[in-house]
Amino acid sequence: MVTITADAEKFIDELLEKNQKTGWGIKVYLSGYACSGPQFGMSFQEKAAEGEKVDNSASSFAMFYDEETEKALQDCVIEFVDDPNFGTGLSIRNPNFNGCASCGGGCGSY
């Protein structure tokens, strides 16, 4: 199961409102794999598509994802990041991944 922090939930709530998508949810999808492990994307989605899981971990919106994405999200944490070097947005931290040798081992958090 994926965990979402309060700050990330607030950020998504604000995005939904700003984009006139109040009452919608967030689709989390697996966009591929890199040396840092699974890579994810997110988009607004009104309701679950056929075969998608509905995750109500957030108190104000649902998250939708397929079975493959669900497995990749196991134990991950969706966090809000506000870093002067990397910008502001969301990050999905995977505690099951320890980094990679090809880029110095520093890419376990993305």
PDB file of N, CA and C in Angstrom:
ATOM      1  N   MET A   1       0.839  -1.185   0.000  1.00  0.00           N
ATOM      2  CA  MET A   1       0.000   0.000   0.000  1.00  0.00           C
ATOM      3  C   MET A   1       0.880   1.242   0.000  1.00  0.00           C
ATOM      4  N   VAL A   2       0.457   2.237  -0.733  1.00  0.00           N
ATOM      5  CA  VAL A   2       1.169   3.508  -0.797  1.00  0.00           C
ATOM      6  C   VAL A   2       0.655   4.417   0.324  1.00  0.00           C
ATOM      7  N   THR A   3       1.547   5.227   0.860  1.00  0.00           N
ATOM      8  CA  THR A   3       1.195   6.203   1.878  1.00  0.00           C
ATOM      9  C   THR A   3       1.321   7.589   1.265  1.00  0.00           C
ATOM     10  N   ILE A   4       0.437   8.493   1.633  1.00  0.00           N
ATOM     11  CA  ILE A   4       0.522   9.867   1.162  1.00  0.00           C
ATOM     12  C   ILE A   4       0.624  10.779   2.374  1.00  0.00           C
ATOM     13  N   THR A   5       1.602  11.691   2.362  1.00  0.00           N
ATOM     14  CA  THR A   5       1.774  12.596   3.493  1.00  0.00           C
ATOM     15  C   THR A   5       0.706  13.685   3.454  1.00  0.00           C
ATOM     16  N   ALA A   6       0.494  14.321   4.598  1.00  0.00           N
ATOM     17  CA  ALA A   6      -0.504  15.393   4.697  1.00  0.00           C
ATOM     18  C   ALA A   6      -0.162  16.553   3.759  1.00  0.00           C
ATOM     19  N   ASP A   7       1.114  16.901   3.655  1.00  0.00           N
ATOM     20  CA  ASP A   7       1.521  17.996   2.766  1.00  0.00           C
ATOM     21  C   ASP A   7       1.278  17.644   1.301  1.00  0.00           C
ATOM     22  N   ALA A   8       1.512  16.398   0.921  1.00  0.00           N
ATOM     23  CA  ALA A   8       1.260  15.967  -0.458  1.00  0.00           C
ATOM     24  C   ALA A   8      -0.234  15.977  -0.745  1.00  0.00           C
ATOM     25  N   GLU A   9      -1.018  15.533   0.212  1.00  0.00           N
ATOM     26  CA  GLU A   9      -2.471  15.540   0.039  1.00  0.00           C
ATOM     27  C   GLU A   9      -2.984  16.972  -0.137  1.00  0.00           C
ATOM     28  N   LYS A  10      -2.476  17.883   0.668  1.00  0.00           N
ATOM     29  CA  LYS A  10      -2.873  19.293   0.560  1.00  0.00           C
ATOM     30  C   LYS A  10      -2.492  19.854  -0.809  1.00  0.00           C
ATOM     31  N   PHE A  11      -1.292  19.541  -1.279  1.00  0.00           N
ATOM     32  CA  PHE A  11      -0.822  20.007  -2.588  1.00  0.00           C
ATOM     33  C   PHE A  11      -1.741  19.493  -3.703  1.00  0.00           C
ATOM     34  N   ILE A  12      -2.111  18.217  -3.652  1.00  0.00           N
ATOM     35  CA  ILE A  12      -3.002  17.639  -4.664  1.00  0.00           C
ATOM     36  C   ILE A  12      -4.388  18.275  -4.575  1.00  0.00           C
ATOM     37  N   ASP A  13      -4.892  18.477  -3.355  1.00  0.00           N
ATOM     38  CA  ASP A  13      -6.188  19.150  -3.191  1.00  0.00           C
ATOM     39  C   ASP A  13      -6.178  20.515  -3.872  1.00  0.00           C
ATOM     40  N   GLU A  14      -5.099  21.272  -3.670  1.00  0.00           N
ATOM     41  CA  GLU A  14      -4.981  22.598  -4.272  1.00  0.00           C
ATOM     42  C   GLU A  14      -4.913  22.514  -5.791  1.00  0.00           C
ATOM     43  N   LEU A  15      -4.198  21.511  -6.318  1.00  0.00           N
ATOM     44  CA  LEU A  15      -4.134  21.327  -7.773  1.00  0.00           C
ATOM     45  C   LEU A  15      -5.505  20.977  -8.353  1.00  0.00           C
ATOM     46  N   LEU A  16      -6.221  20.096  -7.678  1.00  0.00           N
ATOM     47  CA  LEU A  16      -7.550  19.711  -8.145  1.00  0.00           C
ATOM     48  C   LEU A  16      -8.475  20.929  -8.187  1.00  0.00           C
ATOM     49  N   GLU A  17      -8.434  21.738  -7.133  1.00  0.00           N
ATOM     50  CA  GLU A  17      -9.281  22.931  -7.088  1.00  0.00           C
ATOM     51  C   GLU A  17      -8.872  23.944  -8.158  1.00  0.00           C
ATOM     52  N   LYS A  18      -7.577  24.193  -8.268  1.00  0.00           N
ATOM     53  CA  LYS A  18      -7.064  25.160  -9.241  1.00  0.00           C
ATOM     54  C   LYS A  18      -7.431  24.773 -10.677  1.00  0.00           C
ATOM     55  N   ASN A  19      -7.477  23.477 -10.949  1.00  0.00           N
ATOM     56  CA  ASN A  19      -7.779  22.982 -12.295  1.00  0.00           C
ATOM     57  C   ASN A  19      -9.251  22.607 -12.469  1.00  0.00           C
ATOM     58  N   GLN A  20     -10.092  23.069 -11.541  1.00  0.00           N
ATOM     59  CA  GLN A  20     -11.538  22.831 -11.578  1.00  0.00           C
ATOM     60  C   GLN A  20     -11.855  21.334 -11.682  1.00  0.00           C
ATOM     61  N   LYS A  21     -11.150  20.541 -10.884  1.00  0.00           N
ATOM     62  CA  LYS A  21     -11.341  19.092 -10.853  1.00  0.00           C
ATOM     63  C   LYS A  21     -11.738  18.620  -9.454  1.00  0.00           C
ATOM     64  N   THR A  22     -12.347  19.503  -8.670  1.00  0.00           N
ATOM     65  CA  THR A  22     -12.788  19.129  -7.331  1.00  0.00           C
ATOM     66  C   THR A  22     -13.720  17.926  -7.437  1.00  0.00           C
ATOM     67  N   GLY A  23     -13.505  16.927  -6.590  1.00  0.00           N
ATOM     68  CA  GLY A  23     -14.289  15.702  -6.622  1.00  0.00           C
ATOM     69  C   GLY A  23     -13.646  14.610  -7.470  1.00  0.00           C
ATOM     70  N   TRP A  24     -12.612  14.963  -8.214  1.00  0.00           N
ATOM     71  CA  TRP A  24     -11.887  13.987  -9.020  1.00  0.00           C
ATOM     72  C   TRP A  24     -10.837  13.319  -8.149  1.00  0.00           C
ATOM     73  N   GLY A  25     -10.090  12.407  -8.735  1.00  0.00           N
ATOM     74  CA  GLY A  25      -9.003  11.728  -8.060  1.00  0.00           C
ATOM     75  C   GLY A  25      -7.727  11.836  -8.868  1.00  0.00           C
ATOM     76  N   ILE A  26      -6.758  11.055  -8.467  1.00  0.00           N
ATOM     77  CA  ILE A  26      -5.445  11.046  -9.112  1.00  0.00           C
ATOM     78  C   ILE A  26      -5.149   9.637  -9.620  1.00  0.00           C
ATOM     79  N   LYS A  27      -4.816   9.536 -10.881  1.00  0.00           N
ATOM     80  CA  LYS A  27      -4.348   8.268 -11.464  1.00  0.00           C
ATOM     81  C   LYS A  27      -2.832   8.228 -11.273  1.00  0.00           C
ATOM     82  N   VAL A  28      -2.340   7.179 -10.643  1.00  0.00           N
ATOM     83  CA  VAL A  28      -0.902   6.956 -10.509  1.00  0.00           C
ATOM     84  C   VAL A  28      -0.569   5.799 -11.440  1.00  0.00           C
ATOM     85  N   TYR A  29       0.409   6.008 -12.309  1.00  0.00           N
ATOM     86  CA  TYR A  29       0.735   4.967 -13.282  1.00  0.00           C
ATOM     87  C   TYR A  29       2.237   4.740 -13.349  1.00  0.00           C
ATOM     88  N   LEU A  30       2.593   3.545 -13.718  1.00  0.00           N
ATOM     89  CA  LEU A  30       3.985   3.144 -13.887  1.00  0.00           C
ATOM     90  C   LEU A  30       4.415   3.591 -15.274  1.00  0.00           C
ATOM     91  N   SER A  31       5.415   4.474 -15.327  1.00  0.00           N
ATOM     92  CA  SER A  31       5.837   4.996 -16.630  1.00  0.00           C
ATOM     93  C   SER A  31       7.125   4.350 -17.132  1.00  0.00           C
ATOM     94  N   GLY A  32       7.677   3.420 -16.375  1.00  0.00           N
ATOM     95  CA  GLY A  32       8.877   2.715 -16.808  1.00  0.00           C
ATOM     96  C   GLY A  32       9.811   2.444 -15.649  1.00  0.00           C
ATOM     97  N   TYR A  33      10.983   1.951 -15.990  1.00  0.00           N
ATOM     98  CA  TYR A  33      12.004   1.661 -14.990  1.00  0.00           C
ATOM     99  C   TYR A  33      13.295   2.341 -15.406  1.00  0.00           C
ATOM    100  N   ALA A  34      14.040   2.815 -14.431  1.00  0.00           N
ATOM    101  CA  ALA A  34      15.342   3.438 -14.661  1.00  0.00           C
ATOM    102  C   ALA A  34      16.300   2.872 -13.620  1.00  0.00           C
ATOM    103  N   CYS A  35      17.512   3.371 -13.631  1.00  0.00           N
ATOM    104  CA  CYS A  35      18.486   2.870 -12.650  1.00  0.00           C
ATOM    105  C   CYS A  35      18.025   3.135 -11.225  1.00  0.00           C
ATOM    106  N   SER A  36      17.121   4.081 -11.059  1.00  0.00           N
ATOM    107  CA  SER A  36      16.621   4.402  -9.722  1.00  0.00           C
ATOM    108  C   SER A  36      15.364   3.615  -9.362  1.00  0.00           C
ATOM    109  N   GLY A  37      15.005   2.630 -10.191  1.00  0.00           N
ATOM    110  CA  GLY A  37      13.838   1.809  -9.900  1.00  0.00           C
ATOM    111  C   GLY A  37      12.634   2.246 -10.707  1.00  0.00           C
ATOM    112  N   PRO A  38      11.440   1.888 -10.253  1.00  0.00           N
ATOM    113  CA  PRO A  38      10.238   2.228 -11.005  1.00  0.00           C
ATOM    114  C   PRO A  38      10.031   3.736 -11.055  1.00  0.00           C
ATOM    115  N   GLN A  39       9.558   4.221 -12.193  1.00  0.00           N
ATOM    116  CA  GLN A  39       9.248   5.630 -12.385  1.00  0.00           C
ATOM    117  C   GLN A  39       7.730   5.744 -12.528  1.00  0.00           C
ATOM    118  N   PHE A  40       7.156   6.760 -11.898  1.00  0.00           N
ATOM    119  CA  PHE A  40       5.712   6.918 -11.876  1.00  0.00           C
ATOM    120  C   PHE A  40       5.308   8.244 -12.494  1.00  0.00           C
ATOM    121  N   GLY A  41       4.080   8.278 -12.945  1.00  0.00           N
ATOM    122  CA  GLY A  41       3.454   9.503 -13.402  1.00  0.00           C
ATOM    123  C   GLY A  41       2.121   9.641 -12.702  1.00  0.00           C
ATOM    124  N   MET A  42       1.564  10.849 -12.755  1.00  0.00           N
ATOM    125  CA  MET A  42       0.263  11.105 -12.150  1.00  0.00           C
ATOM    126  C   MET A  42      -0.547  11.996 -13.075  1.00  0.00           C
ATOM    127  N   SER A  43      -1.853  11.798 -13.057  1.00  0.00           N
ATOM    128  CA  SER A  43      -2.747  12.652 -13.823  1.00  0.00           C
ATOM    129  C   SER A  43      -4.094  12.725 -13.113  1.00  0.00           C
ATOM    130  N   PHE A  44      -4.879  13.744 -13.449  1.00  0.00           N
ATOM    131  CA  PHE A  44      -6.227  13.849 -12.906  1.00  0.00           C
ATOM    132  C   PHE A  44      -7.103  12.777 -13.553  1.00  0.00           C
ATOM    133  N   GLN A  45      -8.007  12.202 -12.772  1.00  0.00           N
ATOM    134  CA  GLN A  45      -8.937  11.212 -13.316  1.00  0.00           C
ATOM    135  C   GLN A  45     -10.226  11.287 -12.509  1.00  0.00           C
ATOM    136  N   GLU A  46     -11.342  11.286 -13.222  1.00  0.00           N
ATOM    137  CA  GLU A  46     -12.631  11.466 -12.552  1.00  0.00           C
ATOM    138  C   GLU A  46     -13.071  10.236 -11.759  1.00  0.00           C
ATOM    139  N   LYS A  47     -12.875   9.053 -12.336  1.00  0.00           N
ATOM    140  CA  LYS A  47     -13.287   7.821 -11.661  1.00  0.00           C
ATOM    141  C   LYS A  47     -12.414   6.670 -12.149  1.00  0.00           C
ATOM    142  N   ALA A  48     -12.500   5.564 -11.458  1.00  0.00           N
ATOM    143  CA  ALA A  48     -11.676   4.404 -11.807  1.00  0.00           C
ATOM    144  C   ALA A  48     -12.104   3.840 -13.158  1.00  0.00           C
ATOM    145  N   ALA A  49     -11.124   3.471 -13.949  1.00  0.00           N
ATOM    146  CA  ALA A  49     -11.383   2.767 -15.200  1.00  0.00           C
ATOM    147  C   ALA A  49     -11.581   1.285 -14.862  1.00  0.00           C
ATOM    148  N   GLU A  50     -12.104   0.554 -15.801  1.00  0.00           N
ATOM    149  CA  GLU A  50     -12.345  -0.871 -15.582  1.00  0.00           C
ATOM    150  C   GLU A  50     -11.044  -1.580 -15.197  1.00  0.00           C
ATOM    151  N   GLY A  51     -11.096  -2.342 -14.120  1.00  0.00           N
ATOM    152  CA  GLY A  51      -9.952  -3.114 -13.665  1.00  0.00           C
ATOM    153  C   GLY A  51      -8.987  -2.356 -12.762  1.00  0.00           C
ATOM    154  N   GLU A  52      -9.205  -1.066 -12.551  1.00  0.00           N
ATOM    155  CA  GLU A  52      -8.299  -0.292 -11.701  1.00  0.00           C
ATOM    156  C   GLU A  52      -8.673  -0.431 -10.229  1.00  0.00           C
ATOM    157  N   LYS A  53      -7.662  -0.346  -9.399  1.00  0.00           N
ATOM    158  CA  LYS A  53      -7.845  -0.342  -7.955  1.00  0.00           C
ATOM    159  C   LYS A  53      -8.211   1.078  -7.523  1.00  0.00           C
ATOM    160  N   VAL A  54      -9.030   1.192  -6.494  1.00  0.00           N
ATOM    161  CA  VAL A  54      -9.371   2.488  -5.902  1.00  0.00           C
ATOM    162  C   VAL A  54      -8.760   2.510  -4.513  1.00  0.00           C
ATOM    163  N   ASP A  55      -7.884   3.471  -4.287  1.00  0.00           N
ATOM    164  CA  ASP A  55      -7.183   3.618  -3.014  1.00  0.00           C
ATOM    165  C   ASP A  55      -7.696   4.884  -2.346  1.00  0.00           C
ATOM    166  N   ASN A  56      -8.282   4.722  -1.169  1.00  0.00           N
ATOM    167  CA  ASN A  56      -8.826   5.854  -0.431  1.00  0.00           C
ATOM    168  C   ASN A  56      -7.930   6.251   0.737  1.00  0.00           C
ATOM    169  N   SER A  57      -6.613   6.107   0.570  1.00  0.00           N
ATOM    170  CA  SER A  57      -5.668   6.477   1.628  1.00  0.00           C
ATOM    171  C   SER A  57      -5.742   7.970   1.941  1.00  0.00           C
ATOM    172  N   ALA A  58      -5.955   8.777   0.917  1.00  0.00           N
ATOM    173  CA  ALA A  58      -6.100  10.220   1.110  1.00  0.00           C
ATOM    174  C   ALA A  58      -7.520  10.480   1.599  1.00  0.00           C
ATOM    175  N   SER A  59      -7.696  11.476   2.423  1.00  0.00           N
ATOM    176  CA  SER A  59      -9.020  11.721   2.986  1.00  0.00           C
ATOM    177  C   SER A  59      -9.952  12.471   2.052  1.00  0.00           C
ATOM    178  N   SER A  60      -9.409  13.186   1.053  1.00  0.00           N
ATOM    179  CA  SER A  60     -10.269  14.042   0.241  1.00  0.00           C
ATOM    180  C   SER A  60     -10.365  13.656  -1.234  1.00  0.00           C
ATOM    181  N   PHE A  61      -9.628  12.660  -1.653  1.00  0.00           N
ATOM    182  CA  PHE A  61      -9.694  12.205  -3.041  1.00  0.00           C
ATOM    183  C   PHE A  61      -9.239  10.753  -3.103  1.00  0.00           C
ATOM    184  N   ALA A  62      -9.600  10.090  -4.198  1.00  0.00           N
ATOM    185  CA  ALA A  62      -9.184   8.699  -4.410  1.00  0.00           C
ATOM    186  C   ALA A  62      -7.968   8.671  -5.330  1.00  0.00           C
ATOM    187  N   MET A  63      -7.190   7.616  -5.197  1.00  0.00           N
ATOM    188  CA  MET A  63      -6.094   7.359  -6.127  1.00  0.00           C
ATOM    189  C   MET A  63      -6.442   6.085  -6.882  1.00  0.00           C
ATOM    190  N   PHE A  64      -6.155   6.079  -8.170  1.00  0.00           N
ATOM    191  CA  PHE A  64      -6.474   4.945  -9.028  1.00  0.00           C
ATOM    192  C   PHE A  64      -5.190   4.395  -9.634  1.00  0.00           C
ATOM    193  N   TYR A  65      -5.077   3.074  -9.701  1.00  0.00           N
ATOM    194  CA  TYR A  65      -3.924   2.466 -10.363  1.00  0.00           C
ATOM    195  C   TYR A  65      -4.231   1.018 -10.719  1.00  0.00           C
ATOM    196  N   ASP A  66      -3.463   0.516 -11.689  1.00  0.00           N
ATOM    197  CA  ASP A  66      -3.648  -0.873 -12.113  1.00  0.00           C
ATOM    198  C   ASP A  66      -2.821  -1.795 -11.222  1.00  0.00           C
ATOM    199  N   GLU A  67      -2.949  -3.092 -11.459  1.00  0.00           N
ATOM    200  CA  GLU A  67      -2.293  -4.088 -10.610  1.00  0.00           C
ATOM    201  C   GLU A  67      -0.766  -3.987 -10.652  1.00  0.00           C
ATOM    202  N   GLU A  68      -0.188  -3.770 -11.830  1.00  0.00           N
ATOM    203  CA  GLU A  68       1.266  -3.656 -11.954  1.00  0.00           C
ATOM    204  C   GLU A  68       1.787  -2.446 -11.170  1.00  0.00           C
ATOM    205  N   THR A  69       1.077  -1.327 -11.280  1.00  0.00           N
ATOM    206  CA  THR A  69       1.470  -0.126 -10.538  1.00  0.00           C
ATOM    207  C   THR A  69       1.321  -0.350  -9.046  1.00  0.00           C
ATOM    208  N   GLU A  70       0.267  -1.039  -8.647  1.00  0.00           N
ATOM    209  CA  GLU A  70       0.061  -1.336  -7.228  1.00  0.00           C
ATOM    210  C   GLU A  70       1.258  -2.087  -6.651  1.00  0.00           C
ATOM    211  N   LYS A  71       1.759  -3.068  -7.369  1.00  0.00           N
ATOM    212  CA  LYS A  71       2.928  -3.829  -6.900  1.00  0.00           C
ATOM    213  C   LYS A  71       4.155  -2.940  -6.782  1.00  0.00           C
ATOM    214  N   ALA A  72       4.371  -2.074  -7.764  1.00  0.00           N
ATOM    215  CA  ALA A  72       5.539  -1.182  -7.752  1.00  0.00           C
ATOM    216  C   ALA A  72       5.438  -0.133  -6.645  1.00  0.00           C
ATOM    217  N   LEU A  73       4.217   0.226  -6.259  1.00  0.00           N
ATOM    218  CA  LEU A  73       3.998   1.231  -5.213  1.00  0.00           C
ATOM    219  C   LEU A  73       4.087   0.669  -3.800  1.00  0.00           C
ATOM    220  N   GLN A  74       4.236  -0.637  -3.668  1.00  0.00           N
ATOM    221  CA  GLN A  74       4.257  -1.277  -2.348  1.00  0.00           C
ATOM    222  C   GLN A  74       5.231  -0.568  -1.419  1.00  0.00           C
ATOM    223  N   ASP A  75       4.726  -0.057  -0.302  1.00  0.00           N
ATOM    224  CA  ASP A  75       5.505   0.613   0.749  1.00  0.00           C
ATOM    225  C   ASP A  75       6.040   1.983   0.345  1.00  0.00           C
ATOM    226  N   CYS A  76       5.670   2.500  -0.821  1.00  0.00           N
ATOM    227  CA  CYS A  76       6.138   3.818  -1.247  1.00  0.00           C
ATOM    228  C   CYS A  76       5.401   4.923  -0.493  1.00  0.00           C
ATOM    229  N   VAL A  77       6.021   6.110  -0.479  1.00  0.00           N
ATOM    230  CA  VAL A  77       5.446   7.278   0.181  1.00  0.00           C
ATOM    231  C   VAL A  77       5.388   8.419  -0.834  1.00  0.00           C
ATOM    232  N   ILE A  78       4.196   8.981  -1.034  1.00  0.00           N
ATOM    233  CA  ILE A  78       4.043  10.165  -1.873  1.00  0.00           C
ATOM    234  C   ILE A  78       4.239  11.372  -0.963  1.00  0.00           C
ATOM    235  N   GLU A  79       5.243  12.191  -1.303  1.00  0.00           N
ATOM    236  CA  GLU A  79       5.607  13.330  -0.469  1.00  0.00           C
ATOM    237  C   GLU A  79       5.567  14.620  -1.271  1.00  0.00           C
ATOM    238  N   PHE A  80       5.328  15.727  -0.585  1.00  0.00           N
ATOM    239  CA  PHE A  80       5.460  17.048  -1.172  1.00  0.00           C
ATOM    240  C   PHE A  80       6.900  17.490  -0.974  1.00  0.00           C
ATOM    241  N   VAL A  81       7.506  18.020  -2.031  1.00  0.00           N
ATOM    242  CA  VAL A  81       8.897  18.470  -1.976  1.00  0.00           C
ATOM    243  C   VAL A  81       8.956  19.935  -2.370  1.00  0.00           C
ATOM    244  N   ASP A  82       9.651  20.728  -1.584  1.00  0.00           N
ATOM    245  CA  ASP A  82       9.901  22.131  -1.911  1.00  0.00           C
ATOM    246  C   ASP A  82      11.382  22.369  -1.673  1.00  0.00           C
ATOM    247  N   ASP A  83      12.168  22.176  -2.732  1.00  0.00           N
ATOM    248  CA  ASP A  83      13.618  22.217  -2.642  1.00  0.00           C
ATOM    249  C   ASP A  83      14.158  23.243  -3.634  1.00  0.00           C
ATOM    250  N   PRO A  84      15.021  24.161  -3.179  1.00  0.00           N
ATOM    251  CA  PRO A  84      15.540  25.179  -4.098  1.00  0.00           C
ATOM    252  C   PRO A  84      16.337  24.594  -5.269  1.00  0.00           C
ATOM    253  N   ASN A  85      16.898  23.411  -5.100  1.00  0.00           N
ATOM    254  CA  ASN A  85      17.678  22.788  -6.173  1.00  0.00           C
ATOM    255  C   ASN A  85      16.827  21.959  -7.138  1.00  0.00           C
ATOM    256  N   PHE A  86      15.726  21.402  -6.647  1.00  0.00           N
ATOM    257  CA  PHE A  86      14.937  20.482  -7.461  1.00  0.00           C
ATOM    258  C   PHE A  86      13.527  20.977  -7.758  1.00  0.00           C
ATOM    259  N   GLY A  87      13.099  22.060  -7.121  1.00  0.00           N
ATOM    260  CA  GLY A  87      11.784  22.616  -7.385  1.00  0.00           C
ATOM    261  C   GLY A  87      10.724  22.137  -6.407  1.00  0.00           C
ATOM    262  N   THR A  88       9.492  22.453  -6.756  1.00  0.00           N
ATOM    263  CA  THR A  88       8.345  22.140  -5.918  1.00  0.00           C
ATOM    264  C   THR A  88       7.455  21.140  -6.641  1.00  0.00           C
ATOM    265  N   GLY A  89       6.995  20.146  -5.914  1.00  0.00           N
ATOM    266  CA  GLY A  89       6.101  19.167  -6.517  1.00  0.00           C
ATOM    267  C   GLY A  89       5.990  17.932  -5.652  1.00  0.00           C
ATOM    268  N   LEU A  90       5.670  16.840  -6.292  1.00  0.00           N
ATOM    269  CA  LEU A  90       5.489  15.573  -5.595  1.00  0.00           C
ATOM    270  C   LEU A  90       6.621  14.614  -5.903  1.00  0.00           C
ATOM    271  N   SER A  91       6.957  13.806  -4.935  1.00  0.00           N
ATOM    272  CA  SER A  91       7.985  12.780  -5.079  1.00  0.00           C
ATOM    273  C   SER A  91       7.411  11.480  -4.537  1.00  0.00           C
ATOM    274  N   ILE A  92       7.724  10.388  -5.208  1.00  0.00           N
ATOM    275  CA  ILE A  92       7.333   9.074  -4.692  1.00  0.00           C
ATOM    276  C   ILE A  92       8.605   8.381  -4.238  1.00  0.00           C
ATOM    277  N   ARG A  93       8.739   8.277  -2.914  1.00  0.00           N
ATOM    278  CA  ARG A  93       9.933   7.669  -2.315  1.00  0.00           C
ATOM    279  C   ARG A  93       9.694   6.182  -2.130  1.00  0.00           C
ATOM    280  N   ASN A  94      10.643   5.395  -2.601  1.00  0.00           N
ATOM    281  CA  ASN A  94      10.540   3.939  -2.514  1.00  0.00           C
ATOM    282  C   ASN A  94      11.568   3.423  -1.510  1.00  0.00           C
ATOM    283  N   PRO A  95      11.141   3.045  -0.300  1.00  0.00           N
ATOM    284  CA  PRO A  95      12.085   2.555   0.707  1.00  0.00           C
ATOM    285  C   PRO A  95      12.653   1.178   0.382  1.00  0.00           C
ATOM    286  N   ASN A  96      12.097   0.503  -0.631  1.00  0.00           N
ATOM    287  CA  ASN A  96      12.577  -0.820  -1.017  1.00  0.00           C
ATOM    288  C   ASN A  96      13.745  -0.755  -1.986  1.00  0.00           C
ATOM    289  N   PHE A  97      14.134   0.454  -2.397  1.00  0.00           N
ATOM    290  CA  PHE A  97      15.203   0.602  -3.372  1.00  0.00           C
ATOM    291  C   PHE A  97      16.366   1.327  -2.728  1.00  0.00           C
ATOM    292  N   ASN A  98      17.572   0.779  -2.876  1.00  0.00           N
ATOM    293  CA  ASN A  98      18.743   1.317  -2.193  1.00  0.00           C
ATOM    294  C   ASN A  98      19.645   2.178  -3.062  1.00  0.00           C
ATOM    295  N   GLY A  99      19.306   2.445  -4.276  1.00  0.00           N
ATOM    296  CA  GLY A  99      20.163   3.246  -5.146  1.00  0.00           C
ATOM    297  C   GLY A  99      20.745   2.383  -6.241  1.00  0.00           C
ATOM    298  N   CYS A 100      21.680   2.967  -6.983  1.00  0.00           N
ATOM    299  CA  CYS A 100      22.248   2.233  -8.101  1.00  0.00           C
ATOM    300  C   CYS A 100      23.741   2.526  -8.218  1.00  0.00           C
ATOM    301  N   ALA A 101      24.444   1.597  -8.751  1.00  0.00           N
ATOM    302  CA  ALA A 101      25.889   1.742  -8.884  1.00  0.00           C
ATOM    303  C   ALA A 101      26.283   2.658 -10.040  1.00  0.00           C
ATOM    304  N   SER A 102      25.497   2.686 -11.111  1.00  0.00           N
ATOM    305  CA  SER A 102      25.904   3.435 -12.296  1.00  0.00           C
ATOM    306  C   SER A 102      25.905   4.930 -12.105  1.00  0.00           C
ATOM    307  N   CYS A 103      25.150   5.430 -11.118  1.00  0.00           N
ATOM    308  CA  CYS A 103      25.143   6.884 -10.917  1.00  0.00           C
ATOM    309  C   CYS A 103      25.539   7.236  -9.493  1.00  0.00           C
ATOM    310  N   GLY A 104      26.340   6.417  -8.881  1.00  0.00           N
ATOM    311  CA  GLY A 104      26.865   6.730  -7.559  1.00  0.00           C
ATOM    312  C   GLY A 104      25.954   6.331  -6.408  1.00  0.00           C
ATOM    313  N   GLY A 105      24.901   5.618  -6.694  1.00  0.00           N
ATOM    314  CA  GLY A 105      24.032   5.137  -5.619  1.00  0.00           C
ATOM    315  C   GLY A 105      23.116   6.181  -5.037  1.00  0.00           C
ATOM    316  N   GLY A 106      23.098   7.383  -5.596  1.00  0.00           N
ATOM    317  CA  GLY A 106      22.304   8.438  -5.008  1.00  0.00           C
ATOM    318  C   GLY A 106      20.944   8.626  -5.631  1.00  0.00           C
ATOM    319  N   CYS A 107      20.439   7.656  -6.335  1.00  0.00           N
ATOM    320  CA  CYS A 107      19.158   7.891  -7.012  1.00  0.00           C
ATOM    321  C   CYS A 107      18.065   6.968  -6.490  1.00  0.00           C
ATOM    322  N   GLY A 108      18.093   6.662  -5.213  1.00  0.00           N
ATOM    323  CA  GLY A 108      17.038   5.828  -4.655  1.00  0.00           C
ATOM    324  C   GLY A 108      15.765   6.619  -4.344  1.00  0.00           C
ATOM    325  N   SER A 109      15.865   7.935  -4.283  1.00  0.00           N
ATOM    326  CA  SER A 109      14.711   8.771  -4.064  1.00  0.00           C
ATOM    327  C   SER A 109      14.503   9.624  -5.294  1.00  0.00           C
ATOM    328  N   TYR A 110      13.297   9.664  -5.818  1.00  0.00           N
ATOM    329  CA  TYR A 110      13.047  10.387  -7.053  1.00  0.00           C
ATOM    330  C   TYR A 110      11.796  11.204  -6.951  1.00  0.00           C
TER     331      TYR A 110
END
